[in-house]
Amino acid sequence: MIQEYLDNNDYYVTSDLALAATISLWYPLEAIDRTNPYKSQFMFMRSENLDELIEAFWRNELKVNPLAYFNQLKNIKTRLHE
């Protein structure tokens, strides 16, 4: 199943936990690739708006609710360790 995501350019893949938590506030996390035991990859369906969100993240232009971010980070960590 994970190979389908990796072979498809319709998905954005990142190993950055902070970025994945931020993205998942707006977009569902489609899958987590755990094939590398040292670095998991988080996969999101790619869209034009997603690319804009990622650029805003790296430019430090996003404003998020701290509690929502913290809860989302916990949710992703839970999924990561399932």
Protein backbone atom coordinates (compact mmCIF):
# COMPACT_ATOMS: atom_id res chain seq x y z
CA MET A 1 0.00 0.00 0.00
CA ILE A 2 2.75 2.50 0.92
CA GLN A 3 4.48 1.91 -2.44
CA GLU A 4 1.32 3.20 -4.16
CA TYR A 5 1.75 6.51 -2.35
CA LEU A 6 5.46 6.72 -3.07
CA ASP A 7 4.99 6.06 -6.79
CA ASN A 8 2.28 8.70 -7.12
CA ASN A 9 3.09 12.42 -7.49
CA ASP A 10 -0.38 13.20 -6.14
CA TYR A 11 1.02 12.94 -2.60
CA TYR A 12 3.22 15.25 -0.59
CA VAL A 13 5.66 13.37 1.64
CA THR A 14 7.59 14.82 4.59
CA SER A 15 9.55 13.41 7.50
CA ASP A 16 9.28 16.68 9.46
CA LEU A 17 6.99 16.05 12.44
CA ALA A 18 6.24 19.74 13.08
CA LEU A 19 5.30 20.29 9.44
CA ALA A 20 3.17 17.14 9.38
CA ALA A 21 1.31 18.23 12.52
CA THR A 22 0.70 21.65 11.00
CA ILE A 23 -0.51 20.28 7.66
CA SER A 24 -2.82 17.85 9.43
CA LEU A 25 -4.67 20.75 11.03
CA TRP A 26 -6.15 21.37 7.55
CA TYR A 27 -5.56 18.17 5.54
CA PRO A 28 -5.98 14.53 6.58
CA LEU A 29 -2.88 12.44 7.05
CA GLU A 30 -3.27 9.74 4.37
CA ALA A 31 -0.55 7.35 5.52
CA ILE A 32 2.69 6.97 7.44
CA ASP A 33 5.57 5.13 5.78
CA ARG A 34 7.55 3.31 8.48
CA THR A 35 9.76 1.25 6.14
CA ASN A 36 12.87 3.12 7.34
CA PRO A 37 13.21 2.30 11.07
CA TYR A 38 15.02 5.61 11.70
CA LYS A 39 12.79 8.05 9.82
CA SER A 40 9.06 7.81 9.16
CA GLN A 41 7.44 9.71 6.31
CA PHE A 42 4.03 11.39 6.54
CA MET A 43 1.91 11.45 3.39
CA PHE A 44 -0.74 13.96 2.39
CA MET A 45 -2.83 14.30 -0.77
CA ARG A 46 -1.22 17.05 -2.81
CA SER A 47 -3.20 20.14 -3.83
CA GLU A 48 -2.45 23.68 -4.88
CA ASN A 49 -3.59 24.94 -1.50
CA LEU A 50 -1.41 22.41 0.30
CA ASP A 51 1.67 23.70 -1.49
CA GLU A 52 0.76 27.24 -0.43
CA LEU A 53 0.31 26.10 3.18
CA ILE A 54 3.75 24.46 3.16
CA GLU A 55 5.37 27.60 1.77
CA ALA A 56 3.67 29.70 4.46
CA PHE A 57 4.94 27.27 7.11
CA TRP A 58 8.55 27.63 5.96
CA ARG A 59 8.22 31.43 5.68
CA ASN A 60 6.90 31.49 9.27
CA GLU A 61 3.67 33.14 8.15
CA LEU A 62 1.14 30.75 9.68
CA LYS A 63 -0.87 31.46 12.78
CA VAL A 64 -2.36 28.43 14.52
CA ASN A 65 -4.19 27.81 17.75
CA PRO A 66 -1.52 26.46 20.15
CA LEU A 67 -3.88 23.98 21.81
CA ALA A 68 -5.09 22.64 18.46
CA TYR A 69 -1.48 22.25 17.29
CA PHE A 70 -0.46 20.49 20.52
CA ASN A 71 -3.40 18.08 20.28
CA GLN A 72 -2.68 17.36 16.63
CA LEU A 73 0.98 16.70 17.43
CA LYS A 74 -0.12 14.18 20.09
CA ASN A 75 -2.50 12.53 17.59
CA ILE A 76 0.22 12.14 14.99
CA LYS A 77 2.68 10.75 17.54
CA THR A 78 0.03 8.22 18.59
CA ARG A 79 -0.48 7.14 14.99
CA LEU A 80 3.27 7.00 14.49
CA HIS A 81 3.71 4.57 17.38
CA GLU A 82 0.67 2.36 16.64
